[in-house]
């Protein structure tokens, strides 16, 4: 008889979450879609403004050239002696030759500035269009992935319905293959297959708790508190001794995370590089900058990145907003602090303003 232990509860919490509308997979896709939609809307607006700016600059260049030529032609036909008396009487200092010289000196430089501004606007337009097209492609890809996720969710619900009725006729390979798509570890897939193929008290007890208002996602401490009732202190301490992964889950929970937002492989990766002080410092720093915590659930390496704070400070220093960094976390994954500094210096040496260069182009 398989009892509803803490480990099995965690596994069933994860499985049952994937069965519902609040599935972490569907929620993650929805978040990605929202970000891509916001990017599409923003870049569409930026594209329109840049196109208008380029049109205005092109027209400005044309008018400068045409009116400049007309002005030079008009000045070349004026002889000061023809207006000497009136100019002297009115005390007006009018020198068409000097004006012609000024126009000849200033007009080409002014037109060149307009051309340079037009060129920069066109380069920015290319970057914005690239970002916009990427967002559109992401939205289309997510639509396909969501359809597949819903199909997988329907199959998972079908398997559970059959298991709870006690007449499941699905092979273990079918179950484990399906759970692999949800990023379950091999051990989790094997254990889940056992629970569904040979449903015992654990699965039925969990289902009863769900029906009676139990909220899946209980903390480990809550599960142990329930388990402690009716056992000796020694027995409880032996049962409640936490594994490194359980201790990590407690730390993440204290910081405001839902451990179900992390895959088992994510937690293993964090544990491999785990330093509690660095993890807490990075999360608290992100909170101080109003950066959402899902930055870490989607990019777990940032939890143990010792240069996390320094890299964000550097980006803020050049004028980037924390929200812009949140939307482009690859900049934090891609570069260490030294390489980031070199990249920014390279932009500056090329005559570009790092603040105006989109992070996606870094």
Protein backbone atom coordinates (compact mmCIF):
# COMPACT_ATOMS: atom_id res chain seq x y z
CA UNK A 1 0.00 0.00 0.00
CA UNK A 2 1.51 3.32 -1.10
CA UNK A 3 1.04 6.12 1.42
CA UNK A 4 0.64 9.82 0.60
CA UNK A 5 4.14 10.92 1.59
CA UNK A 6 5.60 14.41 1.18
CA UNK A 7 7.47 13.43 -1.99
CA UNK A 8 4.39 11.85 -3.58
CA UNK A 9 2.32 14.89 -2.58
CA UNK A 10 4.78 17.18 -4.34
CA UNK A 11 4.67 15.01 -7.44
CA UNK A 12 0.87 14.95 -7.46
CA UNK A 13 0.77 18.71 -6.82
CA UNK A 14 2.83 19.16 -9.97
CA UNK A 15 0.73 16.71 -11.99
CA UNK A 16 -2.59 18.17 -10.87
CA UNK A 17 -1.40 21.68 -11.62
CA UNK A 18 -0.74 20.60 -15.21
CA UNK A 19 -4.28 19.26 -15.45
CA UNK A 20 -5.98 22.61 -14.81
CA UNK A 21 -6.44 26.04 -16.34
CA UNK A 22 -3.68 27.38 -14.06
CA UNK A 23 -1.12 24.99 -15.53
CA UNK A 24 2.36 26.46 -15.18
CA UNK A 25 3.03 25.54 -18.80
CA UNK A 26 -0.05 27.37 -20.08
CA UNK A 27 0.64 30.28 -17.73
CA UNK A 28 4.22 30.55 -18.99
CA UNK A 29 3.03 30.53 -22.59
CA UNK A 30 0.47 33.20 -21.79
CA UNK A 31 3.16 35.34 -20.19
CA UNK A 32 5.43 34.87 -23.23
CA UNK A 33 2.52 35.76 -25.49
CA UNK A 34 1.75 38.91 -23.48
CA UNK A 35 5.38 40.00 -23.63
CA UNK A 36 5.55 39.29 -27.37
CA UNK A 37 2.25 41.12 -27.94
CA UNK A 38 3.50 44.13 -25.99
CA UNK A 39 6.72 44.05 -28.01
CA UNK A 40 4.77 43.82 -31.26
CA UNK A 41 2.55 46.77 -30.32
CA UNK A 42 5.50 48.85 -29.13
CA UNK A 43 7.66 48.14 -32.19
CA UNK A 44 4.73 48.71 -34.54
CA UNK A 45 4.31 52.17 -33.04
CA UNK A 46 8.07 52.79 -33.13
CA UNK A 47 8.20 51.68 -36.76
CA UNK A 48 5.46 54.13 -37.75
CA UNK A 49 7.23 56.98 -35.95
CA UNK A 50 10.58 56.13 -37.55
CA UNK A 51 9.03 55.92 -41.01
CA UNK A 52 7.44 59.33 -40.48
CA UNK A 53 10.75 60.70 -39.20
CA UNK A 54 12.61 59.37 -42.25
CA UNK A 55 10.01 60.88 -44.60
CA UNK A 56 10.29 64.27 -42.83
CA UNK A 57 14.09 64.19 -42.92
CA UNK A 58 14.11 63.22 -46.59
CA UNK A 59 11.77 66.13 -47.35
CA UNK A 60 13.91 68.43 -45.20
CA UNK A 61 17.00 67.45 -47.19
CA UNK A 62 15.18 68.12 -50.48
CA UNK A 63 13.90 71.53 -49.39
CA UNK A 64 17.31 72.57 -48.04
CA UNK A 65 18.92 71.68 -51.35
CA UNK A 66 16.32 73.41 -53.52
CA UNK A 67 15.97 76.57 -51.43
CA UNK A 68 19.72 76.78 -50.90
CA UNK A 69 20.34 76.73 -54.65
CA UNK A 70 17.66 79.39 -55.21
CA UNK A 71 19.15 81.58 -52.49
CA UNK A 72 22.63 81.34 -53.96
CA UNK A 73 21.31 82.17 -57.44
CA UNK A 74 19.39 85.16 -56.08
CA UNK A 75 22.42 86.49 -54.16
CA UNK A 76 24.65 86.13 -57.21
CA UNK A 77 22.42 88.54 -59.16
CA UNK A 78 22.45 91.26 -56.49
CA UNK A 79 24.95 94.14 -56.82
CA UNK A 80 25.45 96.21 -53.69
CA UNK A 81 26.07 99.41 -55.67
CA UNK A 82 22.51 99.21 -57.04
CA UNK A 83 21.19 99.73 -53.51
CA UNK A 84 24.04 101.79 -52.01
CA UNK A 85 22.00 104.95 -51.30
CA UNK A 86 19.06 103.26 -49.59
CA UNK A 87 21.29 100.91 -47.61
CA UNK A 88 23.40 103.84 -46.39
CA UNK A 89 20.34 105.89 -45.45
CA UNK A 90 18.76 102.94 -43.61
CA UNK A 91 22.10 102.03 -42.06
CA UNK A 92 21.69 98.40 -43.14
CA UNK A 93 24.80 96.26 -43.49
CA UNK A 94 23.89 94.09 -46.45
CA UNK A 95 26.71 92.12 -48.10
CA UNK A 96 25.46 89.55 -50.65
CA UNK A 97 28.97 88.24 -51.23
CA UNK A 98 29.41 87.46 -47.52
CA UNK A 99 25.95 85.87 -47.40
CA UNK A 100 26.83 83.67 -50.38
CA UNK A 101 30.01 82.59 -48.65
CA UNK A 102 28.08 81.78 -45.46
CA UNK A 103 25.48 79.77 -47.38
CA UNK A 104 28.20 77.87 -49.27
CA UNK A 105 29.90 77.00 -45.96
CA UNK A 106 26.85 76.15 -43.88
CA UNK A 107 24.47 74.51 -46.37
CA UNK A 108 26.55 71.36 -47.16
CA UNK A 109 27.26 70.77 -43.46
CA UNK A 110 23.60 71.15 -42.56
CA UNK A 111 22.53 68.78 -45.35
CA UNK A 112 25.16 66.25 -44.19
CA UNK A 113 23.76 66.37 -40.65
CA UNK A 114 20.27 65.69 -41.98
CA UNK A 115 21.62 62.78 -44.06
CA UNK A 116 23.41 61.34 -41.01
CA UNK A 117 20.23 61.59 -38.94
CA UNK A 118 18.30 59.91 -41.74
CA UNK A 119 20.88 57.11 -41.91
CA UNK A 120 20.67 56.51 -38.14
CA UNK A 121 16.88 56.47 -38.29
CA UNK A 122 17.01 53.87 -41.10
CA UNK A 123 19.39 51.68 -39.08
CA UNK A 124 17.10 51.93 -36.06
CA UNK A 125 14.14 51.07 -38.30
CA UNK A 126 15.88 47.86 -39.40
CA UNK A 127 16.44 46.89 -35.74
CA UNK A 128 12.86 47.71 -34.77
CA UNK A 129 11.45 45.75 -37.71
CA UNK A 130 13.64 42.79 -36.76
CA UNK A 131 12.37 42.93 -33.17
CA UNK A 132 8.78 43.28 -34.39
CA UNK A 133 9.09 40.34 -36.80
CA UNK A 134 10.61 38.23 -34.04
CA UNK A 135 7.67 39.05 -31.76
CA UNK A 136 5.18 38.16 -34.51
CA UNK A 137 6.98 34.84 -35.12
CA UNK A 138 6.92 34.14 -31.37
CA UNK A 139 3.17 34.77 -31.20
CA UNK A 140 2.58 32.39 -34.12
CA UNK A 141 4.87 29.77 -32.60
CA UNK A 142 3.14 30.05 -29.23
CA UNK A 143 -0.24 29.47 -30.86
CA UNK A 144 1.06 26.17 -32.25
CA UNK A 145 2.74 25.23 -28.96
CA UNK A 146 -0.42 26.04 -27.00
CA UNK A 147 -2.51 23.75 -29.21
CA UNK A 148 0.00 20.97 -28.58
CA UNK A 149 0.04 21.73 -24.83
CA UNK A 150 -3.76 21.55 -24.66
CA UNK A 151 -3.71 18.21 -26.49
CA UNK A 152 -1.13 16.89 -24.01
CA UNK A 153 -3.18 18.23 -21.11
CA UNK A 154 -6.30 16.48 -22.46
CA UNK A 155 -4.38 13.20 -22.68
CA UNK A 156 -3.07 13.64 -19.14
CA UNK A 157 -6.59 14.23 -17.83
CA UNK A 158 -7.83 11.19 -19.73
CA UNK A 159 -5.12 9.02 -18.13
CA UNK A 160 -5.99 10.30 -14.63
CA UNK A 161 -9.71 9.79 -15.18
CA UNK A 162 -9.08 6.18 -16.21
CA UNK A 163 -6.66 5.64 -13.30
CA UNK A 164 -9.15 6.96 -10.73
CA UNK A 165 -11.81 4.66 -12.17
CA UNK A 166 -9.39 1.76 -11.79
CA UNK A 167 -9.55 0.65 -15.42
CA UNK A 168 -6.59 2.34 -17.06
CA UNK A 169 -5.29 0.35 -20.03
CA UNK A 170 -2.47 2.67 -21.07
CA UNK A 171 1.09 1.36 -21.21
CA UNK A 172 3.81 2.75 -18.99
CA UNK A 173 5.72 3.93 -22.07
CA UNK A 174 2.69 5.96 -23.18
CA UNK A 175 2.48 7.63 -19.78
CA UNK A 176 6.22 8.32 -19.43
CA UNK A 177 6.44 9.59 -23.01
CA UNK A 178 3.63 12.04 -22.31
CA UNK A 179 5.17 13.21 -19.01
CA UNK A 180 8.52 13.74 -20.72
CA UNK A 181 6.85 16.50 -22.74
CA UNK A 182 6.04 18.21 -19.44
CA UNK A 183 9.73 18.14 -18.47
CA UNK A 184 9.42 15.54 -15.70
CA UNK A 185 12.59 13.75 -14.62
CA UNK A 186 12.99 10.06 -15.30
CA UNK A 187 12.33 9.22 -11.64
CA UNK A 188 9.22 11.42 -11.60
CA UNK A 189 7.91 9.82 -14.79
CA UNK A 190 8.44 6.33 -13.41
CA UNK A 191 6.76 7.17 -10.09
CA UNK A 192 3.81 8.90 -11.80
CA UNK A 193 3.33 5.91 -14.10
CA UNK A 194 3.15 3.64 -11.05
CA UNK A 195 0.57 5.89 -9.41
CA UNK A 196 -1.67 5.83 -12.48
CA UNK A 197 -1.19 2.23 -13.59
CA UNK A 198 -1.51 0.79 -10.07
CA UNK A 199 -3.60 3.36 -8.21
CA UNK A 200 -3.36 2.80 -4.47
CA UNK A 201 -4.32 4.76 -1.39
CA UNK A 202 -1.94 7.64 -2.18
CA UNK A 203 -3.69 8.69 -5.40
CA UNK A 204 -7.18 8.16 -3.97
CA UNK A 205 -6.30 10.06 -0.76
CA UNK A 206 -4.94 12.97 -2.75
CA UNK A 207 -8.02 13.07 -4.98
CA UNK A 208 -10.24 13.08 -1.87
CA UNK A 209 -8.32 16.04 -0.48
CA UNK A 210 -8.72 17.92 -3.76
CA UNK A 211 -12.47 17.28 -3.74
CA UNK A 212 -12.67 18.41 -0.11
CA UNK A 213 -11.08 21.75 -0.79
CA UNK A 214 -7.39 20.88 -0.37
CA UNK A 215 -5.26 23.38 -2.28
CA UNK A 216 -2.54 21.65 -4.21
CA UNK A 217 0.85 23.15 -3.70
CA UNK A 218 1.15 22.65 0.07
CA UNK A 219 4.51 23.54 1.53
CA UNK A 220 6.74 20.77 2.79
CA UNK A 221 6.39 22.09 6.35
CA UNK A 222 2.58 21.82 6.14
CA UNK A 223 2.78 18.25 4.90
CA UNK A 224 5.15 17.31 7.72
CA UNK A 225 2.97 19.05 10.30
CA UNK A 226 0.06 16.85 9.25
CA UNK A 227 2.27 13.77 9.25
CA UNK A 228 3.55 14.48 12.76
CA UNK A 229 0.16 13.93 14.35
CA UNK A 230 0.01 10.48 15.96
CA UNK A 231 3.73 9.60 15.67
CA UNK A 232 6.56 9.86 18.17
CA UNK A 233 8.99 12.77 18.05
CA UNK A 234 11.82 10.44 17.02
CA UNK A 235 9.76 8.94 14.20
CA UNK A 236 8.69 12.39 13.06
CA UNK A 237 12.25 13.74 13.02
CA UNK A 238 13.39 10.78 10.96
CA UNK A 239 10.56 11.25 8.48
CA UNK A 240 10.81 15.02 8.38
CA UNK A 241 14.55 15.32 7.77
CA UNK A 242 14.70 17.53 4.71
CA UNK A 243 16.71 16.83 1.60
CA UNK A 244 18.81 19.62 0.04
CA UNK A 245 16.12 20.08 -2.60
CA UNK A 246 13.40 20.45 0.04
CA UNK A 247 15.48 23.02 1.90
CA UNK A 248 15.98 24.92 -1.37
CA UNK A 249 12.22 24.85 -1.98
CA UNK A 250 11.67 26.35 1.47
CA UNK A 251 14.13 29.18 0.73
CA UNK A 252 12.47 29.89 -2.62
CA UNK A 253 9.05 29.90 -0.96
CA UNK A 254 10.24 32.35 1.69
CA UNK A 255 11.43 34.66 -1.08
CA UNK A 256 8.01 34.63 -2.74
CA UNK A 257 8.37 31.92 -5.38
CA UNK A 258 6.01 29.04 -6.10
CA UNK A 259 8.25 25.98 -6.42
CA UNK A 260 5.90 24.57 -9.06
CA UNK A 261 7.19 27.34 -11.34
CA UNK A 262 10.52 25.48 -11.39
CA UNK A 263 11.08 22.16 -13.11
CA UNK A 264 12.92 19.42 -11.30
CA UNK A 265 15.87 19.92 -13.63
CA UNK A 266 15.78 23.65 -12.77
CA UNK A 267 16.04 22.84 -9.07
CA UNK A 268 18.87 20.38 -9.71
CA UNK A 269 20.73 23.05 -11.68
CA UNK A 270 20.28 25.56 -8.84
CA UNK A 271 21.46 23.01 -6.27
CA UNK A 272 24.59 22.28 -8.30
CA UNK A 273 25.54 25.96 -8.08
CA UNK A 274 23.76 26.73 -4.80
CA UNK A 275 24.92 29.50 -2.52
CA UNK A 276 22.12 30.72 -0.28
CA UNK A 277 23.67 34.16 0.25
CA UNK A 278 24.03 34.83 -3.50
CA UNK A 279 20.52 33.56 -4.24
CA UNK A 280 18.87 35.71 -1.56
CA UNK A 281 20.95 38.76 -2.52
CA UNK A 282 20.02 38.49 -6.21
CA UNK A 283 16.31 38.06 -5.50
CA UNK A 284 16.18 40.93 -3.00
CA UNK A 285 18.07 43.18 -5.41
CA UNK A 286 15.60 42.35 -8.21
CA UNK A 287 12.72 43.20 -5.87
CA UNK A 288 14.36 46.54 -5.02
CA UNK A 289 14.34 47.39 -8.74
CA UNK A 290 10.70 46.23 -9.14
CA UNK A 291 11.81 43.41 -11.41
CA UNK A 292 9.29 40.55 -11.45
CA UNK A 293 10.44 37.25 -9.96
CA UNK A 294 9.52 35.28 -13.07
CA UNK A 295 12.77 36.66 -14.49
CA UNK A 296 14.40 33.93 -12.38
CA UNK A 297 11.91 31.13 -13.03
CA UNK A 298 12.54 31.51 -16.74
CA UNK A 299 16.30 31.99 -16.32
CA UNK A 300 17.36 30.02 -13.24
CA UNK A 301 21.07 30.67 -13.83
CA UNK A 302 20.48 34.26 -12.70
CA UNK A 303 19.68 33.01 -9.18
CA UNK A 304 23.32 32.03 -8.68
CA UNK A 305 24.95 34.61 -10.95
CA UNK A 306 27.52 36.38 -8.75
CA UNK A 307 27.61 39.36 -11.16
CA UNK A 308 23.83 39.76 -11.41
CA UNK A 309 23.66 43.03 -9.47
CA UNK A 310 26.78 44.50 -11.09
CA UNK A 311 25.50 43.84 -14.63
CA UNK A 312 22.11 45.41 -13.97
CA UNK A 313 23.77 48.43 -12.31
CA UNK A 314 25.93 48.87 -15.41
CA UNK A 315 22.91 48.76 -17.73
CA UNK A 316 21.00 51.23 -15.56
CA UNK A 317 24.10 53.45 -15.56
CA UNK A 318 23.91 53.81 -19.37
CA UNK A 319 20.21 54.67 -19.22
CA UNK A 320 18.41 51.32 -19.49
CA UNK A 321 15.24 50.85 -17.44
CA UNK A 322 14.82 47.78 -15.18
CA UNK A 323 11.66 46.82 -17.09
CA UNK A 324 13.60 46.87 -20.37
CA UNK A 325 16.19 44.57 -18.79
CA UNK A 326 13.38 42.30 -17.52
CA UNK A 327 12.04 41.97 -21.07
CA UNK A 328 15.51 41.17 -22.44
CA UNK A 329 17.09 38.80 -19.88
CA UNK A 330 19.40 37.29 -22.50
CA UNK A 331 21.73 40.26 -22.03
CA UNK A 332 22.34 39.03 -18.45
CA UNK A 333 22.78 35.41 -19.52
CA UNK A 334 24.92 36.15 -22.57
CA UNK A 335 27.53 38.40 -20.99
CA UNK A 336 29.69 38.41 -17.89
CA UNK A 337 30.39 41.87 -16.42
CA UNK A 338 33.73 42.31 -18.21
CA UNK A 339 32.34 41.38 -21.63
CA UNK A 340 29.30 43.61 -21.07
CA UNK A 341 31.61 46.56 -20.33
CA UNK A 342 33.58 45.87 -23.51
CA UNK A 343 30.40 45.66 -25.59
CA UNK A 344 29.19 49.01 -24.24
CA UNK A 345 32.61 50.59 -24.85
CA UNK A 346 32.56 49.28 -28.41
CA UNK A 347 29.19 50.92 -29.05
CA UNK A 348 30.45 54.22 -27.64
CA UNK A 349 33.64 54.07 -29.72
CA UNK A 350 31.49 53.47 -32.80
CA UNK A 351 29.67 56.74 -32.15
CA UNK A 352 26.47 55.09 -30.90
CA UNK A 353 24.56 55.96 -27.76
CA UNK A 354 24.19 52.67 -25.77
CA UNK A 355 20.97 54.00 -24.25
CA UNK A 356 19.36 54.27 -27.69
CA UNK A 357 20.55 50.86 -28.94
CA UNK A 358 17.87 48.24 -28.12
CA UNK A 359 19.11 45.55 -25.76
CA UNK A 360 18.03 42.90 -28.22
CA UNK A 361 20.72 44.25 -30.57
CA UNK A 362 23.55 43.95 -28.02
